[in-house]
Amino acid sequence: MAFAGTGTIWMNGLLVNWADAKIHIASHVIHYGSAVFEGARCYDTPKGSACFRLDAHTARLYNSAKIYRMPIPMEPAELNAAIFDTIRANHFTACYIRPLIYRGYGEPGVSPLGSPVDVAILCWEWGAYLGPEALEKGVDVCVSSWTRSAPNTLPTMAKASANYASSQLIKMEAMADGYAEGIALDVNGHVSEGSAQNIFMARNGVLYTPPLHASVLPGITRDSIITIARDLGYEVCEEIIQREALYIADELFFVGTAAEVTPIRSVDRVTVGAGACGPMTRTIQRRFFEILNGEVPDPHGWLQYLNPPAVGAEKTESEAPAIPNPISDW
């Protein structure tokens, strides 16, 4: 079923109708994948609509553009304001947010330097990425035959459109074989990530996730889950994970802006743990949703409200002061 988008899109400073948001067929991005983007979410909380870690997403977007030598023609604060304007223009209380920086219509050829850098912001209502039941029951996945990029090929620290050609191959292969998702290995045969998600493994009470040098995108949700898990008292290790460790894990789960916190119930038809959402996954998942839905205090200042509540509004005695996030660049 085709995605039927409606509403308003922000393009280079103008709000245009969804159907009118068009680019020229000769645009550099169409021929060479010259774009970087972000995926963020806005949630409907008791204090009003709030974007989850928007500053961190914007910082990563600017870092991605810097890696690809794409000067963004506006400051981060201006982009965030445009995102808020786009959400308001569409009358959303909760939505998915897609800022896109791309090379537009200019000179032909591989070199992008003769093509302008354009900016667009899309928003749409998007539920659970892998289906509503996935958050509770988990998903069946496979180890993909496609590996992530080797070092010094495509920069995996950048959230670039070109990187997602690999993600498409991983996802399509998995779906063709009857799985919901695929897990990619890195060039050394170690666990990297899903097609568009980071991965965590619980074993013997310790939480593991692959390090960034395993061709892993530095995920905002990944960083959030590491923080939440440590706040809950769990030991978290960023270590190389062998493929076979997936089969003997106590628990596995995907994380990402779209996937949020999704349990994995089997890998290559080998059941993971009890084959459902395990206790560590459930505890972390519950706290994650409590924070982003505004149900508990936000100790790290991750929620950015479209209309900030009045000082002291709905504040409880137990609410802790905001704690600066030392890794907010991710």
C-alpha atoms as a PDB file:
ATOM      1  CA  MET A   1       0.000   0.000   0.000  1.00  0.00           C
ATOM      2  CA  ALA A   2       1.441   3.353  -1.028  1.00  0.00           C
ATOM      3  CA  PHE A   3       2.147   6.021   1.555  1.00  0.00           C
ATOM      4  CA  ALA A   4      -0.405   8.795   1.051  1.00  0.00           C
ATOM      5  CA  GLY A   5       1.248  11.860   2.545  1.00  0.00           C
ATOM      6  CA  THR A   6      -0.801  14.975   3.141  1.00  0.00           C
ATOM      7  CA  GLY A   7      -0.297  18.332   4.768  1.00  0.00           C
ATOM      8  CA  THR A   8       2.508  20.846   4.509  1.00  0.00           C
ATOM      9  CA  ILE A   9       6.260  20.555   3.856  1.00  0.00           C
ATOM     10  CA  TRP A  10       8.919  23.155   4.641  1.00  0.00           C
ATOM     11  CA  MET A  11      11.225  23.769   1.652  1.00  0.00           C
ATOM     12  CA  ASN A  12      13.995  26.383   1.688  1.00  0.00           C
ATOM     13  CA  GLY A  13      12.047  28.680   3.987  1.00  0.00           C
ATOM     14  CA  LEU A  14       8.583  28.218   2.486  1.00  0.00           C
ATOM     15  CA  LEU A  15       5.681  26.055   3.630  1.00  0.00           C
ATOM     16  CA  VAL A  16       4.241  24.305   0.566  1.00  0.00           C
ATOM     17  CA  ASN A  17       1.476  21.776   0.044  1.00  0.00           C
ATOM     18  CA  TRP A  18       2.580  18.147   0.166  1.00  0.00           C
ATOM     19  CA  ALA A  19       1.673  17.575  -3.488  1.00  0.00           C
ATOM     20  CA  ASP A  20       3.664  20.642  -4.567  1.00  0.00           C
ATOM     21  CA  ALA A  21       6.931  19.711  -2.831  1.00  0.00           C
ATOM     22  CA  LYS A  22       8.877  18.854  -5.988  1.00  0.00           C
ATOM     23  CA  ILE A  23      12.466  18.936  -7.243  1.00  0.00           C
ATOM     24  CA  HIS A  24      13.912  18.799 -10.758  1.00  0.00           C
ATOM     25  CA  ILE A  25      14.770  15.393 -12.254  1.00  0.00           C
ATOM     26  CA  ALA A  26      18.292  16.697 -12.912  1.00  0.00           C
ATOM     27  CA  SER A  27      18.889  17.406  -9.228  1.00  0.00           C
ATOM     28  CA  HIS A  28      22.227  16.024  -8.079  1.00  0.00           C
ATOM     29  CA  VAL A  29      20.651  14.049  -5.224  1.00  0.00           C
ATOM     30  CA  ILE A  30      18.621  11.884  -7.611  1.00  0.00           C
ATOM     31  CA  HIS A  31      21.656  10.802  -9.611  1.00  0.00           C
ATOM     32  CA  TYR A  32      24.285  10.483  -6.882  1.00  0.00           C
ATOM     33  CA  GLY A  33      22.487  10.168  -3.543  1.00  0.00           C
ATOM     34  CA  SER A  34      23.991  13.421  -2.289  1.00  0.00           C
ATOM     35  CA  ALA A  35      21.870  13.988   0.820  1.00  0.00           C
ATOM     36  CA  VAL A  36      21.994  13.684   4.583  1.00  0.00           C
ATOM     37  CA  PHE A  37      18.960  13.491   6.805  1.00  0.00           C
ATOM     38  CA  GLU A  38      17.568  12.903  10.272  1.00  0.00           C
ATOM     39  CA  GLY A  39      14.670  11.073  11.837  1.00  0.00           C
ATOM     40  CA  ALA A  40      13.203  12.450  15.054  1.00  0.00           C
ATOM     41  CA  ARG A  41       9.881  12.178  16.839  1.00  0.00           C
ATOM     42  CA  CYS A  42       7.437  14.513  18.508  1.00  0.00           C
ATOM     43  CA  TYR A  43       5.342  13.005  21.311  1.00  0.00           C
ATOM     44  CA  ASP A  44       2.048  14.073  22.867  1.00  0.00           C
ATOM     45  CA  THR A  45       2.760  14.469  26.599  1.00  0.00           C
ATOM     46  CA  PRO A  46       0.671  15.717  29.532  1.00  0.00           C
ATOM     47  CA  LYS A  47       2.553  19.035  29.259  1.00  0.00           C
ATOM     48  CA  GLY A  48       2.009  19.355  25.504  1.00  0.00           C
ATOM     49  CA  SER A  49       3.764  18.244  22.318  1.00  0.00           C
ATOM     50  CA  ALA A  50       7.494  17.680  22.771  1.00  0.00           C
ATOM     51  CA  CYS A  51      10.313  16.628  20.448  1.00  0.00           C
ATOM     52  CA  PHE A  52      12.631  13.964  21.819  1.00  0.00           C
ATOM     53  CA  ARG A  53      16.292  15.109  21.832  1.00  0.00           C
ATOM     54  CA  LEU A  54      15.825  17.423  18.876  1.00  0.00           C
ATOM     55  CA  ASP A  55      19.049  19.325  19.600  1.00  0.00           C
ATOM     56  CA  ALA A  56      21.037  16.070  19.473  1.00  0.00           C
ATOM     57  CA  HIS A  57      19.414  15.073  16.175  1.00  0.00           C
ATOM     58  CA  THR A  58      20.132  18.500  14.706  1.00  0.00           C
ATOM     59  CA  ALA A  59      23.761  18.350  15.872  1.00  0.00           C
ATOM     60  CA  ARG A  60      24.185  14.979  14.145  1.00  0.00           C
ATOM     61  CA  LEU A  61      22.588  16.370  10.975  1.00  0.00           C
ATOM     62  CA  TYR A  62      25.087  19.222  10.876  1.00  0.00           C
ATOM     63  CA  ASN A  63      27.936  16.793  11.537  1.00  0.00           C
ATOM     64  CA  SER A  64      26.745  14.580   8.665  1.00  0.00           C
ATOM     65  CA  ALA A  65      26.586  17.598   6.350  1.00  0.00           C
ATOM     66  CA  LYS A  66      30.071  18.688   7.418  1.00  0.00           C
ATOM     67  CA  ILE A  67      31.507  15.269   6.563  1.00  0.00           C
ATOM     68  CA  TYR A  68      29.987  15.570   3.075  1.00  0.00           C
ATOM     69  CA  ARG A  69      31.062  19.224   2.702  1.00  0.00           C
ATOM     70  CA  MET A  70      27.498  20.472   2.496  1.00  0.00           C
ATOM     71  CA  PRO A  71      27.221  23.910   4.138  1.00  0.00           C
ATOM     72  CA  ILE A  72      23.711  24.207   5.575  1.00  0.00           C
ATOM     73  CA  PRO A  73      22.390  27.714   4.806  1.00  0.00           C
ATOM     74  CA  MET A  74      20.918  28.258   8.283  1.00  0.00           C
ATOM     75  CA  GLU A  75      21.891  27.941  11.927  1.00  0.00           C
ATOM     76  CA  PRO A  76      20.800  24.922  14.037  1.00  0.00           C
ATOM     77  CA  ALA A  77      18.419  27.072  16.097  1.00  0.00           C
ATOM     78  CA  GLU A  78      16.779  28.303  12.888  1.00  0.00           C
ATOM     79  CA  LEU A  79      16.346  24.727  11.666  1.00  0.00           C
ATOM     80  CA  ASN A  80      14.778  23.699  14.970  1.00  0.00           C
ATOM     81  CA  ALA A  81      12.397  26.652  14.758  1.00  0.00           C
ATOM     82  CA  ALA A  82      11.461  25.612  11.207  1.00  0.00           C
ATOM     83  CA  ILE A  83      10.779  22.073  12.456  1.00  0.00           C
ATOM     84  CA  PHE A  84       8.445  23.457  15.127  1.00  0.00           C
ATOM     85  CA  ASP A  85       6.729  25.630  12.493  1.00  0.00           C
ATOM     86  CA  THR A  86       6.206  22.598  10.257  1.00  0.00           C
ATOM     87  CA  ILE A  87       4.676  20.547  13.069  1.00  0.00           C
ATOM     88  CA  ARG A  88       2.344  23.411  13.972  1.00  0.00           C
ATOM     89  CA  ALA A  89       1.391  23.994  10.317  1.00  0.00           C
ATOM     90  CA  ASN A  90       0.294  20.371  10.094  1.00  0.00           C
ATOM     91  CA  HIS A  91      -1.599  20.564  13.412  1.00  0.00           C
ATOM     92  CA  PHE A  92       0.202  17.503  14.753  1.00  0.00           C
ATOM     93  CA  THR A  93       0.371  16.724  18.442  1.00  0.00           C
ATOM     94  CA  ALA A  94       2.620  13.718  17.740  1.00  0.00           C
ATOM     95  CA  CYS A  95       4.548  12.864  14.572  1.00  0.00           C
ATOM     96  CA  TYR A  96       7.719  11.632  12.903  1.00  0.00           C
ATOM     97  CA  ILE A  97      10.106  14.374  11.713  1.00  0.00           C
ATOM     98  CA  ARG A  98      12.381  14.140   8.659  1.00  0.00           C
ATOM     99  CA  PRO A  99      14.790  17.070   8.018  1.00  0.00           C
ATOM    100  CA  LEU A 100      16.596  16.567   4.707  1.00  0.00           C
ATOM    101  CA  ILE A 101      19.677  18.364   3.374  1.00  0.00           C
ATOM    102  CA  TYR A 102      20.267  17.619  -0.304  1.00  0.00           C
ATOM    103  CA  ARG A 103      22.113  18.775  -3.403  1.00  0.00           C
ATOM    104  CA  GLY A 104      19.613  20.283  -5.804  1.00  0.00           C
ATOM    105  CA  TYR A 105      19.547  21.329  -9.452  1.00  0.00           C
ATOM    106  CA  GLY A 106      22.914  22.650 -10.619  1.00  0.00           C
ATOM    107  CA  GLU A 107      25.819  21.334 -12.651  1.00  0.00           C
ATOM    108  CA  PRO A 108      25.849  17.740 -13.971  1.00  0.00           C
ATOM    109  CA  GLY A 109      28.596  15.297 -13.031  1.00  0.00           C
ATOM    110  CA  VAL A 110      29.831  13.500  -9.943  1.00  0.00           C
ATOM    111  CA  SER A 111      31.209  16.621  -8.274  1.00  0.00           C
ATOM    112  CA  PRO A 112      28.444  18.106  -6.115  1.00  0.00           C
ATOM    113  CA  LEU A 113      30.114  21.473  -5.657  1.00  0.00           C
ATOM    114  CA  GLY A 114      28.249  23.157  -8.512  1.00  0.00           C
ATOM    115  CA  SER A 115      24.837  22.200  -7.120  1.00  0.00           C
ATOM    116  CA  PRO A 116      23.014  24.145  -4.408  1.00  0.00           C
ATOM    117  CA  VAL A 117      22.426  22.809  -0.907  1.00  0.00           C
ATOM    118  CA  ASP A 118      18.676  22.717  -0.306  1.00  0.00           C
ATOM    119  CA  VAL A 119      16.749  22.060   2.906  1.00  0.00           C
ATOM    120  CA  ALA A 120      13.380  20.383   3.413  1.00  0.00           C
ATOM    121  CA  ILE A 121      11.402  19.267   6.472  1.00  0.00           C
ATOM    122  CA  LEU A 122       8.678  16.635   6.340  1.00  0.00           C
ATOM    123  CA  CYS A 123       6.395  15.462   9.151  1.00  0.00           C
ATOM    124  CA  TRP A 124       3.881  12.655   9.221  1.00  0.00           C
ATOM    125  CA  GLU A 125       2.018  10.494  11.697  1.00  0.00           C
ATOM    126  CA  TRP A 126       3.858   7.197  12.103  1.00  0.00           C
ATOM    127  CA  GLY A 127       3.130   4.454  14.602  1.00  0.00           C
ATOM    128  CA  ALA A 128       5.315   1.515  15.581  1.00  0.00           C
ATOM    129  CA  TYR A 129       7.837   0.998  12.744  1.00  0.00           C
ATOM    130  CA  LEU A 130       7.801  -2.810  12.898  1.00  0.00           C
ATOM    131  CA  GLY A 131       4.113  -3.072  13.772  1.00  0.00           C
ATOM    132  CA  PRO A 132       2.122  -2.454  16.966  1.00  0.00           C
ATOM    133  CA  GLU A 133       2.570  -6.024  18.213  1.00  0.00           C
ATOM    134  CA  ALA A 134       6.346  -5.901  17.786  1.00  0.00           C
ATOM    135  CA  LEU A 135       6.878  -3.752  20.885  1.00  0.00           C
ATOM    136  CA  GLU A 136       5.229  -6.450  22.992  1.00  0.00           C
ATOM    137  CA  LYS A 137       5.902  -9.756  21.239  1.00  0.00           C
ATOM    138  CA  GLY A 138       9.140  -8.991  19.419  1.00  0.00           C
ATOM    139  CA  VAL A 139      10.198  -9.711  15.844  1.00  0.00           C
ATOM    140  CA  ASP A 140      11.873 -12.536  13.952  1.00  0.00           C
ATOM    141  CA  VAL A 141      15.106 -11.499  12.238  1.00  0.00           C
ATOM    142  CA  CYS A 142      17.976 -13.006  10.277  1.00  0.00           C
ATOM    143  CA  VAL A 143      21.668 -12.319   9.879  1.00  0.00           C
ATOM    144  CA  SER A 144      21.985 -10.670   6.492  1.00  0.00           C
ATOM    145  CA  SER A 145      24.317 -11.806   3.736  1.00  0.00           C
ATOM    146  CA  TRP A 146      25.039  -8.096   3.155  1.00  0.00           C
ATOM    147  CA  THR A 147      27.739  -6.550   5.352  1.00  0.00           C
ATOM    148  CA  ARG A 148      28.128  -2.976   6.498  1.00  0.00           C
ATOM    149  CA  SER A 149      30.656  -0.692   4.836  1.00  0.00           C
ATOM    150  CA  ALA A 150      34.331  -1.266   5.532  1.00  0.00           C
ATOM    151  CA  PRO A 151      36.307   1.552   7.191  1.00  0.00           C
ATOM    152  CA  ASN A 152      37.362   4.345   4.859  1.00  0.00           C
ATOM    153  CA  THR A 153      34.713   3.509   2.265  1.00  0.00           C
ATOM    154  CA  LEU A 154      31.457   5.288   3.155  1.00  0.00           C
ATOM    155  CA  PRO A 155      31.481   7.238   6.445  1.00  0.00           C
ATOM    156  CA  THR A 156      29.121   5.430   8.796  1.00  0.00           C
ATOM    157  CA  MET A 157      29.179   8.293  11.298  1.00  0.00           C
ATOM    158  CA  ALA A 158      27.169  10.320   8.776  1.00  0.00           C
ATOM    159  CA  LYS A 159      23.453   9.650   8.393  1.00  0.00           C
ATOM    160  CA  ALA A 160      23.679   9.876   4.622  1.00  0.00           C
ATOM    161  CA  SER A 161      21.069   8.799   2.086  1.00  0.00           C
ATOM    162  CA  ALA A 162      23.714   6.843   0.157  1.00  0.00           C
ATOM    163  CA  ASN A 163      24.316   4.576   3.158  1.00  0.00           C
ATOM    164  CA  TYR A 164      20.725   3.432   3.010  1.00  0.00           C
ATOM    165  CA  ALA A 165      21.226   1.674  -0.318  1.00  0.00           C
ATOM    166  CA  SER A 166      22.855  -1.007   1.834  1.00  0.00           C
ATOM    167  CA  SER A 167      19.959  -0.833   4.294  1.00  0.00           C
ATOM    168  CA  GLN A 168      17.476  -1.464   1.489  1.00  0.00           C
ATOM    169  CA  LEU A 169      19.313  -4.629   0.439  1.00  0.00           C
ATOM    170  CA  ILE A 170      19.364  -5.890   4.030  1.00  0.00           C
ATOM    171  CA  LYS A 171      15.673  -5.152   4.546  1.00  0.00           C
ATOM    172  CA  MET A 172      14.476  -6.603   1.228  1.00  0.00           C
ATOM    173  CA  GLU A 173      16.492  -9.797   1.665  1.00  0.00           C
ATOM    174  CA  ALA A 174      15.051 -10.290   5.151  1.00  0.00           C
ATOM    175  CA  MET A 175      11.484  -9.717   4.006  1.00  0.00           C
ATOM    176  CA  ALA A 176      11.896 -12.027   1.002  1.00  0.00           C
ATOM    177  CA  ASP A 177      12.941 -14.789   3.401  1.00  0.00           C
ATOM    178  CA  GLY A 178      10.019 -14.217   5.752  1.00  0.00           C
ATOM    179  CA  TYR A 179      11.721 -12.120   8.439  1.00  0.00           C
ATOM    180  CA  ALA A 180      10.787  -8.684   9.740  1.00  0.00           C
ATOM    181  CA  GLU A 181      14.381  -7.407   9.754  1.00  0.00           C
ATOM    182  CA  GLY A 182      17.999  -8.251   9.087  1.00  0.00           C
ATOM    183  CA  ILE A 183      21.101  -7.860  11.215  1.00  0.00           C
ATOM    184  CA  ALA A 184      24.212  -6.800   9.331  1.00  0.00           C
ATOM    185  CA  LEU A 185      27.740  -7.829  10.253  1.00  0.00           C
ATOM    186  CA  ASP A 186      30.735  -5.574   9.820  1.00  0.00           C
ATOM    187  CA  VAL A 187      33.657  -6.266   7.478  1.00  0.00           C
ATOM    188  CA  ASN A 188      35.279  -8.444  10.162  1.00  0.00           C
ATOM    189  CA  GLY A 189      32.192 -10.612  10.623  1.00  0.00           C
ATOM    190  CA  HIS A 190      31.121  -9.035  13.916  1.00  0.00           C
ATOM    191  CA  VAL A 191      27.633  -7.778  14.709  1.00  0.00           C
ATOM    192  CA  SER A 192      27.039  -4.227  13.462  1.00  0.00           C
ATOM    193  CA  GLU A 193      23.368  -3.152  13.428  1.00  0.00           C
ATOM    194  CA  GLY A 194      19.987  -3.682  11.791  1.00  0.00           C
ATOM    195  CA  SER A 195      18.965  -2.168   8.479  1.00  0.00           C
ATOM    196  CA  ALA A 196      17.994   1.055  10.254  1.00  0.00           C
ATOM    197  CA  GLN A 197      18.380   0.288  13.961  1.00  0.00           C
ATOM    198  CA  ASN A 198      21.096  -0.180  16.549  1.00  0.00           C
ATOM    199  CA  ILE A 199      21.116  -3.440  18.490  1.00  0.00           C
ATOM    200  CA  PHE A 200      21.545  -4.416  22.150  1.00  0.00           C
ATOM    201  CA  MET A 201      22.182  -7.817  23.733  1.00  0.00           C
ATOM    202  CA  ALA A 202      21.568  -8.866  27.343  1.00  0.00           C
ATOM    203  CA  ARG A 203      23.564 -11.784  28.730  1.00  0.00           C
ATOM    204  CA  ASN A 204      24.120 -12.772  32.353  1.00  0.00           C
ATOM    205  CA  GLY A 205      22.709  -9.476  33.603  1.00  0.00           C
ATOM    206  CA  VAL A 206      25.004  -7.287  31.467  1.00  0.00           C
ATOM    207  CA  LEU A 207      23.873  -5.179  28.508  1.00  0.00           C
ATOM    208  CA  TYR A 208      26.105  -5.144  25.421  1.00  0.00           C
ATOM    209  CA  THR A 209      26.028  -3.094  22.222  1.00  0.00           C
ATOM    210  CA  PRO A 210      28.528  -2.954  19.333  1.00  0.00           C
ATOM    211  CA  PRO A 211      31.048  -0.095  19.446  1.00  0.00           C
ATOM    212  CA  LEU A 212      30.955   2.686  16.885  1.00  0.00           C
ATOM    213  CA  HIS A 213      33.949   1.272  15.027  1.00  0.00           C
ATOM    214  CA  ALA A 214      31.822  -1.750  14.070  1.00  0.00           C
ATOM    215  CA  SER A 215      30.349   0.386  11.241  1.00  0.00           C
ATOM    216  CA  VAL A 216      27.596   1.590  13.574  1.00  0.00           C
ATOM    217  CA  LEU A 217      25.638   4.802  13.188  1.00  0.00           C
ATOM    218  CA  PRO A 218      25.984   6.794  16.434  1.00  0.00           C
ATOM    219  CA  GLY A 219      22.284   6.582  17.220  1.00  0.00           C
ATOM    220  CA  ILE A 220      20.529   9.133  19.404  1.00  0.00           C
ATOM    221  CA  THR A 221      18.228   6.425  20.761  1.00  0.00           C
ATOM    222  CA  ARG A 222      21.261   4.156  21.248  1.00  0.00           C
ATOM    223  CA  ASP A 223      22.884   6.810  23.425  1.00  0.00           C
ATOM    224  CA  SER A 224      19.596   7.362  25.278  1.00  0.00           C
ATOM    225  CA  ILE A 225      19.220   3.655  26.036  1.00  0.00           C
ATOM    226  CA  ILE A 226      22.800   3.434  27.325  1.00  0.00           C
ATOM    227  CA  THR A 227      22.025   6.354  29.646  1.00  0.00           C
ATOM    228  CA  ILE A 228      18.682   4.914  30.791  1.00  0.00           C
ATOM    229  CA  ALA A 229      20.157   1.463  31.409  1.00  0.00           C
ATOM    230  CA  ARG A 230      22.963   2.900  33.534  1.00  0.00           C
ATOM    231  CA  ASP A 231      20.471   5.082  35.411  1.00  0.00           C
ATOM    232  CA  LEU A 232      18.566   1.868  36.207  1.00  0.00           C
ATOM    233  CA  GLY A 233      21.736   0.293  37.580  1.00  0.00           C
ATOM    234  CA  TYR A 234      22.614  -2.014  34.689  1.00  0.00           C
ATOM    235  CA  GLU A 235      26.180  -2.533  33.536  1.00  0.00           C
ATOM    236  CA  VAL A 236      26.514  -1.486  29.887  1.00  0.00           C
ATOM    237  CA  CYS A 237      29.466  -2.519  27.710  1.00  0.00           C
ATOM    238  CA  GLU A 238      30.266  -1.268  24.219  1.00  0.00           C
ATOM    239  CA  GLU A 239      32.090  -4.326  22.924  1.00  0.00           C
ATOM    240  CA  ILE A 240      32.548  -6.406  19.795  1.00  0.00           C
ATOM    241  CA  ILE A 241      29.744  -8.992  19.569  1.00  0.00           C
ATOM    242  CA  GLN A 242      30.325 -12.251  17.721  1.00  0.00           C
ATOM    243  CA  ARG A 243      27.601 -13.536  15.427  1.00  0.00           C
ATOM    244  CA  GLU A 244      27.104 -16.725  17.441  1.00  0.00           C
ATOM    245  CA  ALA A 245      26.513 -14.684  20.591  1.00  0.00           C
ATOM    246  CA  LEU A 246      23.169 -13.668  19.082  1.00  0.00           C
ATOM    247  CA  TYR A 247      21.941 -17.269  19.313  1.00  0.00           C
ATOM    248  CA  ILE A 248      22.793 -17.698  22.994  1.00  0.00           C
ATOM    249  CA  ALA A 249      21.760 -14.244  24.177  1.00  0.00           C
ATOM    250  CA  ASP A 250      19.296 -13.943  27.034  1.00  0.00           C
ATOM    251  CA  GLU A 251      17.657 -10.979  25.314  1.00  0.00           C
ATOM    252  CA  LEU A 252      18.093  -8.921  22.144  1.00  0.00           C
ATOM    253  CA  PHE A 253      16.406  -5.717  21.083  1.00  0.00           C
ATOM    254  CA  PHE A 254      16.552  -3.059  18.385  1.00  0.00           C
ATOM    255  CA  VAL A 255      16.527   0.660  19.154  1.00  0.00           C
ATOM    256  CA  GLY A 256      16.015   3.679  16.927  1.00  0.00           C
ATOM    257  CA  THR A 257      13.813   6.703  16.401  1.00  0.00           C
ATOM    258  CA  ALA A 258      11.423   4.676  14.241  1.00  0.00           C
ATOM    259  CA  ALA A 259      11.836   1.297  15.988  1.00  0.00           C
ATOM    260  CA  GLU A 260      11.957   2.863  19.493  1.00  0.00           C
ATOM    261  CA  VAL A 261      12.685  -0.223  21.677  1.00  0.00           C
ATOM    262  CA  THR A 262      11.653  -3.402  19.827  1.00  0.00           C
ATOM    263  CA  PRO A 263      12.444  -6.882  21.218  1.00  0.00           C
ATOM    264  CA  ILE A 264      13.919  -9.584  18.974  1.00  0.00           C
ATOM    265  CA  ARG A 265      12.371 -12.991  19.610  1.00  0.00           C
ATOM    266  CA  SER A 266      14.437 -15.069  17.185  1.00  0.00           C
ATOM    267  CA  VAL A 267      17.533 -14.883  14.976  1.00  0.00           C
ATOM    268  CA  ASP A 268      17.818 -17.248  11.994  1.00  0.00           C
ATOM    269  CA  ARG A 269      14.875 -19.147  13.531  1.00  0.00           C
ATOM    270  CA  VAL A 270      16.804 -19.694  16.766  1.00  0.00           C
ATOM    271  CA  THR A 271      14.671 -18.521  19.696  1.00  0.00           C
ATOM    272  CA  VAL A 272      16.218 -15.771  21.816  1.00  0.00           C
ATOM    273  CA  GLY A 273      15.777 -16.451  25.534  1.00  0.00           C
ATOM    274  CA  ALA A 274      12.118 -17.168  26.254  1.00  0.00           C
ATOM    275  CA  GLY A 275      11.123 -15.904  22.800  1.00  0.00           C
ATOM    276  CA  ALA A 276       9.414 -12.719  23.945  1.00  0.00           C
ATOM    277  CA  CYS A 277      10.198  -9.374  25.538  1.00  0.00           C
ATOM    278  CA  GLY A 278      12.658 -10.237  28.309  1.00  0.00           C
ATOM    279  CA  PRO A 279      12.747  -8.614  31.774  1.00  0.00           C
ATOM    280  CA  MET A 280      15.689  -6.285  31.105  1.00  0.00           C
ATOM    281  CA  THR A 281      14.224  -5.218  27.759  1.00  0.00           C
ATOM    282  CA  ARG A 282      10.824  -4.647  29.368  1.00  0.00           C
ATOM    283  CA  THR A 283      12.266  -2.522  32.182  1.00  0.00           C
ATOM    284  CA  ILE A 284      14.314  -0.354  29.810  1.00  0.00           C
ATOM    285  CA  GLN A 285      11.476  -0.103  27.304  1.00  0.00           C
ATOM    286  CA  ARG A 286       9.022   0.972  30.001  1.00  0.00           C
ATOM    287  CA  ARG A 287      11.320   3.690  31.347  1.00  0.00           C
ATOM    288  CA  PHE A 288      12.076   4.921  27.802  1.00  0.00           C
ATOM    289  CA  PHE A 289       8.376   5.371  27.004  1.00  0.00           C
ATOM    290  CA  GLU A 290       7.648   6.882  30.417  1.00  0.00           C
ATOM    291  CA  ILE A 291      10.246   9.588  29.775  1.00  0.00           C
ATOM    292  CA  LEU A 292       9.324  10.416  26.199  1.00  0.00           C
ATOM    293  CA  ASN A 293       5.585  10.400  26.999  1.00  0.00           C
ATOM    294  CA  GLY A 294       6.194  12.781  29.900  1.00  0.00           C
ATOM    295  CA  GLU A 295       4.894  10.297  32.474  1.00  0.00           C
ATOM    296  CA  VAL A 296       7.952  10.579  34.732  1.00  0.00           C
ATOM    297  CA  PRO A 297      10.501  13.356  35.335  1.00  0.00           C
ATOM    298  CA  ASP A 298      12.889  14.060  32.465  1.00  0.00           C
ATOM    299  CA  PRO A 299      16.220  14.153  34.341  1.00  0.00           C
ATOM    300  CA  HIS A 300      18.372  14.697  31.237  1.00  0.00           C
ATOM    301  CA  GLY A 301      16.296  17.440  29.610  1.00  0.00           C
ATOM    302  CA  TRP A 302      15.532  15.352  26.533  1.00  0.00           C
ATOM    303  CA  LEU A 303      12.046  16.732  25.806  1.00  0.00           C
ATOM    304  CA  GLN A 304      11.842  20.020  23.899  1.00  0.00           C
ATOM    305  CA  TYR A 305       8.318  21.394  24.032  1.00  0.00           C
ATOM    306  CA  LEU A 306       6.698  23.216  21.124  1.00  0.00           C
ATOM    307  CA  ASN A 307       5.015  25.434  23.701  1.00  0.00           C
ATOM    308  CA  PRO A 308       7.103  25.224  26.875  1.00  0.00           C
ATOM    309  CA  PRO A 309       4.936  24.737  29.971  1.00  0.00           C
ATOM    310  CA  ALA A 310       4.897  27.499  32.564  1.00  0.00           C
ATOM    311  CA  VAL A 311       7.623  27.270  35.168  1.00  0.00           C
ATOM    312  CA  GLY A 312       6.523  24.829  37.844  1.00  0.00           C
ATOM    313  CA  ALA A 313       3.529  23.572  35.829  1.00  0.00           C
ATOM    314  CA  GLU A 314       2.684  19.995  36.815  1.00  0.00           C
ATOM    315  CA  LYS A 315       6.055  19.743  38.534  1.00  0.00           C
ATOM    316  CA  THR A 316       6.211  17.226  41.344  1.00  0.00           C
ATOM    317  CA  GLU A 317       8.414  17.291  44.409  1.00  0.00           C
ATOM    318  CA  SER A 318      10.252  14.247  43.098  1.00  0.00           C
ATOM    319  CA  GLU A 319      11.162  15.875  39.793  1.00  0.00           C
ATOM    320  CA  ALA A 320      14.922  16.120  39.482  1.00  0.00           C
ATOM    321  CA  PRO A 321      16.728  19.105  37.951  1.00  0.00           C
ATOM    322  CA  ALA A 322      17.925  18.758  34.382  1.00  0.00           C
ATOM    323  CA  ILE A 323      21.277  17.011  34.079  1.00  0.00           C
ATOM    324  CA  PRO A 324      23.465  18.046  31.124  1.00  0.00           C
ATOM    325  CA  ASN A 325      24.051  15.216  28.657  1.00  0.00           C
ATOM    326  CA  PRO A 326      27.796  14.857  28.020  1.00  0.00           C
ATOM    327  CA  ILE A 327      27.225  13.116  24.679  1.00  0.00           C
ATOM    328  CA  SER A 328      24.584  15.431  23.272  1.00  0.00           C
ATOM    329  CA  ASP A 329      26.490  15.675  19.986  1.00  0.00           C
ATOM    330  CA  TRP A 330      25.284  12.148  19.242  1.00  0.00           C
END
